[in-house]
Amino acid sequence: MIILGLLTAAFIANGQNLEVIHLIPKQGIVLNSDSILKDRITIENLCKLLKIRYNSDTIIENIEFRDWINEKTGLRGGDCIFFEEVQYKSIVFKFVSSNYNDEKILSYINILDPNEFNIFTNDGNSLSGSNPRIQEFFPFVNEFDNISSDKLTINLNTYGMCIHIMRLKNDDYRISSLSIELK
């Protein structure tokens, strides 16, 4: 945690006012020096941490119906999930439960505009700016880790992440959005 604090201090000292995010695959993020982890934060605590009012104007509550087919048996099924979303700048925190009355658990974090933040891996490697070395920091482990044919989506299922890429001039690129599934 000392390294995280030093990196945060270094960016503030250089005159950049961007907040710092450290990705912790499958578990959550550290936003500046605050840990936002799957099994350790509630919606109410997240709102307090981010200084957001907890009310119907700031929290989106919804239900999502899903159909599915079991690939092995061919049987069809369906289910629904109940979720609440909390938005902070361009980060959407999605809390989910399978029952309306159950406590919702932080299950997804979507960073819709990574340029609002300085983003690092949990090892301190930068994902901000042009041409981040994504595959070096998150090497492919199995067939579920892959790059789309247009090279604009990197699925890192082993790490619970999906990264969307924006092409820039001269074959440069940068991350345009990042989704983390907390398993």
Protein backbone atom coordinates (compact mmCIF):
# COMPACT_ATOMS: atom_id res chain seq x y z
CA MET A 1 0.00 0.00 0.00
CA ILE A 2 2.98 2.31 0.46
CA ILE A 3 3.68 2.11 -3.28
CA LEU A 4 0.07 3.09 -4.06
CA GLY A 5 0.37 6.15 -1.83
CA LEU A 6 3.67 7.14 -3.39
CA LEU A 7 2.25 6.88 -6.92
CA THR A 8 -0.75 8.97 -5.91
CA ALA A 9 1.54 11.58 -4.33
CA ALA A 10 3.77 11.61 -7.42
CA PHE A 11 0.87 12.47 -9.72
CA ILE A 12 -0.39 15.22 -7.43
CA ALA A 13 3.15 16.62 -7.14
CA ASN A 14 3.49 16.75 -10.94
CA GLY A 15 0.46 19.03 -11.14
CA GLN A 16 -1.92 16.40 -12.50
CA ASN A 17 -5.24 16.39 -10.72
CA LEU A 18 -6.35 13.06 -12.11
CA GLU A 19 -7.47 10.53 -9.56
CA VAL A 20 -5.57 7.25 -9.44
CA ILE A 21 -7.11 3.81 -9.91
CA HIS A 22 -5.31 0.54 -9.25
CA LEU A 23 -7.00 -2.54 -10.72
CA ILE A 24 -7.20 -5.63 -8.56
CA PRO A 25 -8.42 -8.36 -10.96
CA LYS A 26 -11.60 -10.17 -9.87
CA GLN A 27 -11.65 -8.28 -6.56
CA GLY A 28 -12.15 -4.56 -7.21
CA ILE A 29 -10.15 -1.36 -7.40
CA VAL A 30 -8.25 1.05 -5.22
CA LEU A 31 -9.45 4.58 -5.96
CA ASN A 32 -6.80 6.97 -4.71
CA SER A 33 -6.12 5.29 -1.36
CA ASP A 34 -9.59 3.79 -0.80
CA SER A 35 -10.16 0.08 -1.43
CA ILE A 36 -13.43 -0.77 -3.16
CA LEU A 37 -13.57 -4.56 -3.00
CA LYS A 38 -16.34 -7.04 -3.75
CA ASP A 39 -16.96 -8.56 -0.35
CA ARG A 40 -16.01 -5.53 1.72
CA ILE A 41 -18.22 -2.68 0.54
CA THR A 42 -21.92 -1.96 0.60
CA ILE A 43 -23.83 0.55 -1.49
CA GLU A 44 -24.22 2.82 1.53
CA ASN A 45 -20.50 2.66 2.38
CA LEU A 46 -19.53 3.33 -1.25
CA CYS A 47 -21.75 6.41 -1.32
CA LYS A 48 -20.17 7.69 1.91
CA LEU A 49 -16.68 7.00 0.58
CA LEU A 50 -17.36 8.83 -2.70
CA LYS A 51 -19.35 11.59 -0.95
CA ILE A 52 -22.46 10.76 -3.00
CA ARG A 53 -25.97 11.11 -1.61
CA TYR A 54 -27.69 7.77 -1.27
CA ASN A 55 -31.14 8.43 -2.80
CA SER A 56 -33.24 7.62 -5.86
CA ASP A 57 -31.65 10.49 -7.83
CA THR A 58 -28.15 9.02 -7.55
CA ILE A 59 -28.85 5.27 -7.42
CA ILE A 60 -30.35 3.44 -10.40
CA GLU A 61 -32.34 0.39 -9.33
CA ASN A 62 -33.39 -2.14 -11.95
CA ILE A 63 -34.13 -5.75 -12.82
CA GLU A 64 -32.55 -7.67 -15.69
CA PHE A 65 -34.03 -10.82 -17.24
CA ARG A 66 -31.68 -13.28 -18.89
CA ASP A 67 -32.32 -16.29 -21.13
CA TRP A 68 -29.72 -18.97 -21.54
CA ILE A 69 -29.08 -22.35 -23.14
CA ASN A 70 -27.03 -25.07 -21.46
CA GLU A 71 -24.50 -25.99 -24.16
CA LYS A 72 -24.08 -29.54 -22.83
CA THR A 73 -27.75 -30.47 -22.43
CA GLY A 74 -29.44 -28.08 -24.86
CA LEU A 75 -31.94 -27.12 -22.16
CA ARG A 76 -33.18 -23.56 -22.11
CA GLY A 77 -33.63 -21.55 -18.96
CA GLY A 78 -33.81 -18.10 -17.62
CA ASP A 79 -33.30 -16.07 -14.54
CA CYS A 80 -33.37 -12.51 -13.36
CA ILE A 81 -31.03 -10.37 -11.36
CA PHE A 82 -31.76 -7.29 -9.31
CA PHE A 83 -29.20 -4.56 -9.37
CA GLU A 84 -28.41 -1.07 -8.26
CA GLU A 85 -25.87 1.16 -9.97
CA VAL A 86 -23.85 3.94 -8.40
CA GLN A 87 -22.05 6.34 -10.73
CA TYR A 88 -18.99 8.34 -9.74
CA LYS A 89 -17.58 10.45 -12.57
CA SER A 90 -17.26 7.90 -15.41
CA ILE A 91 -17.16 4.84 -13.14
CA VAL A 92 -20.31 2.74 -12.75
CA PHE A 93 -20.43 0.37 -9.78
CA LYS A 94 -23.05 -2.37 -10.23
CA PHE A 95 -24.35 -4.19 -7.14
CA VAL A 96 -26.26 -7.42 -7.89
CA SER A 97 -28.43 -10.03 -6.14
CA SER A 98 -30.66 -12.84 -7.39
CA ASN A 99 -33.43 -11.92 -4.94
CA TYR A 100 -34.96 -8.47 -4.48
CA ASN A 101 -34.73 -8.62 -0.68
CA ASP A 102 -31.14 -9.91 -0.50
CA GLU A 103 -28.23 -7.56 0.05
CA LYS A 104 -26.72 -6.64 -3.28
CA ILE A 105 -23.02 -7.37 -3.74
CA LEU A 106 -20.58 -5.35 -5.83
CA SER A 107 -20.25 -7.48 -8.99
CA TYR A 108 -19.16 -5.18 -11.83
CA ILE A 109 -17.12 -2.01 -12.20
CA ASN A 110 -17.21 -0.21 -15.55
CA ILE A 111 -14.84 2.64 -16.28
CA LEU A 112 -16.49 4.41 -19.19
CA ASP A 113 -13.83 7.08 -19.74
CA PRO A 114 -10.41 5.94 -18.50
CA ASN A 115 -8.90 9.29 -19.52
CA GLU A 116 -10.44 10.85 -16.40
CA PHE A 117 -8.06 8.76 -14.27
CA ASN A 118 -4.50 7.50 -14.06
CA ILE A 119 -5.02 3.73 -14.20
CA PHE A 120 -2.49 1.19 -12.98
CA THR A 121 -2.30 -2.56 -12.59
CA ASN A 122 -1.98 -3.84 -9.04
CA ASP A 123 1.78 -4.15 -9.80
CA GLY A 124 2.05 -0.41 -10.53
CA ASN A 125 2.23 -0.66 -14.36
CA SER A 126 0.43 2.18 -16.14
CA LEU A 127 -2.55 1.52 -18.42
CA SER A 128 -3.06 5.24 -19.09
CA GLY A 129 -1.92 7.13 -22.16
CA SER A 130 -1.04 5.73 -25.57
CA ASN A 131 -0.11 2.12 -26.27
CA PRO A 132 -0.36 0.51 -22.83
CA ARG A 133 1.28 -2.94 -22.81
CA ILE A 134 -1.91 -4.78 -21.90
CA GLN A 135 -0.85 -8.27 -22.99
CA GLU A 136 2.45 -7.92 -21.16
CA PHE A 137 0.67 -6.98 -17.93
CA PHE A 138 -2.17 -9.50 -18.41
CA PRO A 139 -0.80 -12.45 -20.41
CA PHE A 140 -3.33 -14.79 -22.02
CA VAL A 141 -3.83 -17.94 -19.96
CA ASN A 142 -6.48 -19.90 -21.89
CA GLU A 143 -8.82 -19.79 -24.91
CA PHE A 144 -11.18 -17.43 -23.08
CA ASP A 145 -8.51 -14.71 -23.14
CA ASN A 146 -8.52 -13.28 -26.65
CA ILE A 147 -8.51 -10.27 -28.93
CA SER A 148 -11.39 -9.60 -31.32
CA SER A 149 -10.74 -9.83 -35.07
CA ASP A 150 -10.85 -6.01 -35.38
CA LYS A 151 -8.37 -5.77 -32.45
CA LEU A 152 -10.63 -3.30 -30.63
CA THR A 153 -11.75 -5.60 -27.80
CA ILE A 154 -9.50 -7.58 -25.48
CA ASN A 155 -11.30 -10.20 -23.41
CA LEU A 156 -9.29 -11.11 -20.35
CA ASN A 157 -11.70 -13.57 -18.73
CA THR A 158 -8.92 -15.07 -16.61
CA TYR A 159 -8.60 -11.66 -14.94
CA GLY A 160 -12.33 -10.84 -15.05
CA MET A 161 -11.77 -7.90 -17.42
CA CYS A 162 -12.80 -6.68 -20.84
CA ILE A 163 -10.92 -3.78 -22.39
CA HIS A 164 -12.11 -1.74 -25.36
CA ILE A 165 -9.51 -0.01 -27.50
CA MET A 166 -9.65 3.21 -29.52
CA ARG A 167 -7.34 3.54 -32.48
CA LEU A 168 -5.41 6.77 -32.79
CA LYS A 169 -3.14 8.03 -35.55
CA ASN A 170 -0.04 6.10 -36.66
CA ASP A 171 -1.24 2.71 -35.30
CA ASP A 172 -1.28 4.09 -31.77
CA TYR A 173 -4.14 3.16 -29.46
CA ARG A 174 -5.50 3.81 -26.00
CA ILE A 175 -8.10 2.26 -23.76
CA SER A 176 -11.58 3.67 -24.41
CA SER A 177 -13.40 1.68 -21.68
CA LEU A 178 -12.69 -1.03 -19.17
CA SER A 179 -15.04 -3.48 -17.45
CA ILE A 180 -14.21 -5.59 -14.43
CA GLU A 181 -16.29 -8.55 -13.33
CA LEU A 182 -15.78 -9.38 -9.70
CA LYS A 183 -15.95 -13.13 -9.22
